[in-house]
Amino acid sequence: MKVFDVMNSLILASSGEGVLNPIYAGITLIGPYALSVVAALSIFYGVFLAVRYAKSQSEDERANAQKTLINFLIGVAVVIVLVVVLLAIRGPLGDYINS
């Protein structure tokens, strides 16, 4: 019975059906953890950049630190939005590709 299941899964994988199921299962499993890790690291690095901005002595250092902080916040927002979109469309996209 197990040999038949293995052969059936290989036939389905070679025909394109079910190829993405393990990928989407992995995204479903790892996605929330990845989002949490990105958020936690972003908070720590954001605090570091804010402290560096607060400690800036000259106007040039302050302007540079401010640009770095703004670019960091924009980058984090884009990454978080992309991860959330990936988690949101994984099911319908898999159905569309498998059909």
Protein backbone atom coordinates (compact mmCIF):
# COMPACT_ATOMS: atom_id res chain seq x y z
CA MET A 1 0.00 0.00 0.00
CA LYS A 2 2.86 2.41 0.82
CA VAL A 3 4.59 1.70 -2.48
CA PHE A 4 1.41 2.65 -4.31
CA ASP A 5 1.19 5.94 -2.38
CA VAL A 6 4.81 6.78 -3.17
CA MET A 7 4.35 5.96 -6.85
CA ASN A 8 1.13 7.97 -6.97
CA SER A 9 2.84 11.00 -5.43
CA LEU A 10 5.72 10.68 -7.93
CA ILE A 11 3.29 10.52 -10.84
CA LEU A 12 1.43 13.56 -9.54
CA ALA A 13 4.70 15.43 -9.01
CA SER A 14 5.92 14.66 -12.52
CA SER A 15 2.65 15.87 -14.03
CA GLY A 16 2.75 19.14 -12.12
CA GLU A 17 -0.09 18.36 -9.74
CA GLY A 18 0.82 18.71 -6.10
CA VAL A 19 4.34 20.02 -6.72
CA LEU A 20 3.67 23.21 -4.84
CA ASN A 21 1.89 21.64 -1.89
CA PRO A 22 5.10 21.05 0.13
CA ILE A 23 6.26 24.59 -0.65
CA TYR A 24 3.00 26.12 0.54
CA ALA A 25 2.96 23.85 3.57
CA GLY A 26 6.42 25.17 4.43
CA ILE A 27 5.29 28.76 3.95
CA THR A 28 2.29 28.10 6.18
CA LEU A 29 4.51 26.55 8.83
CA ILE A 30 7.40 29.03 8.75
CA GLY A 31 5.57 32.22 7.71
CA PRO A 32 4.30 33.42 11.10
CA TYR A 33 7.66 32.69 12.71
CA ALA A 34 9.49 34.55 9.95
CA LEU A 35 7.20 37.52 10.43
CA SER A 36 7.87 37.46 14.18
CA VAL A 37 11.63 37.26 13.70
CA VAL A 38 11.61 40.12 11.18
CA ALA A 39 9.52 42.24 13.53
CA ALA A 40 11.74 41.52 16.56
CA LEU A 41 14.99 42.22 14.70
CA SER A 42 13.46 45.36 13.23
CA ILE A 43 12.55 46.65 16.66
CA PHE A 44 16.07 46.08 17.99
CA TYR A 45 17.77 47.66 15.00
CA GLY A 46 15.26 50.53 15.00
CA VAL A 47 16.07 51.29 18.63
CA PHE A 48 19.79 51.17 17.78
CA LEU A 49 19.31 53.65 14.94
CA ALA A 50 17.15 55.92 17.11
CA VAL A 51 19.83 55.97 19.82
CA ARG A 52 22.46 56.75 17.21
CA TYR A 53 20.25 59.60 15.97
CA ALA A 54 19.83 60.91 19.51
CA LYS A 55 23.57 60.78 20.19
CA SER A 56 24.50 62.65 17.02
CA GLN A 57 26.66 65.68 17.79
CA SER A 58 26.79 67.65 14.55
CA GLU A 59 24.07 68.51 12.07
CA ASP A 60 25.72 66.38 9.38
CA GLU A 61 25.70 63.30 11.62
CA ARG A 62 22.11 63.99 12.63
CA ALA A 63 20.98 64.37 9.00
CA ASN A 64 22.78 61.17 8.00
CA ALA A 65 21.30 59.25 10.95
CA GLN A 66 17.84 60.59 10.13
CA LYS A 67 18.11 59.44 6.49
CA THR A 68 19.29 56.02 7.64
CA LEU A 69 16.41 55.72 10.09
CA ILE A 70 13.81 56.76 7.51
CA ASN A 71 15.19 54.35 4.90
CA PHE A 72 15.20 51.57 7.48
CA LEU A 73 11.56 52.19 8.41
CA ILE A 74 10.51 52.20 4.74
CA GLY A 75 12.44 48.96 4.13
CA VAL A 76 10.91 47.23 7.14
CA ALA A 77 7.41 48.29 6.11
CA VAL A 78 7.96 46.90 2.60
CA VAL A 79 9.35 43.58 3.88
CA ILE A 80 6.51 43.09 6.36
CA VAL A 81 3.88 43.93 3.73
CA LEU A 82 5.45 41.47 1.28
CA VAL A 83 5.55 38.66 3.85
CA VAL A 84 1.92 39.30 4.80
CA VAL A 85 0.88 39.35 1.12
CA LEU A 86 2.76 36.08 0.54
CA LEU A 87 0.96 34.49 3.47
CA ALA A 88 -2.39 35.85 2.25
CA ILE A 89 -2.16 34.64 -1.35
CA ARG A 90 -0.43 31.29 -0.86
CA GLY A 91 -3.69 29.31 -0.96
CA PRO A 92 -5.40 30.91 -3.97
CA LEU A 93 -2.10 31.06 -5.87
CA GLY A 94 -1.50 27.36 -5.30
CA ASP A 95 -5.01 26.52 -6.43
CA TYR A 96 -4.55 28.64 -9.55
CA ILE A 97 -1.20 27.06 -10.44
CA ASN A 98 -2.41 23.51 -9.78
CA SER A 99 -5.56 23.97 -11.89
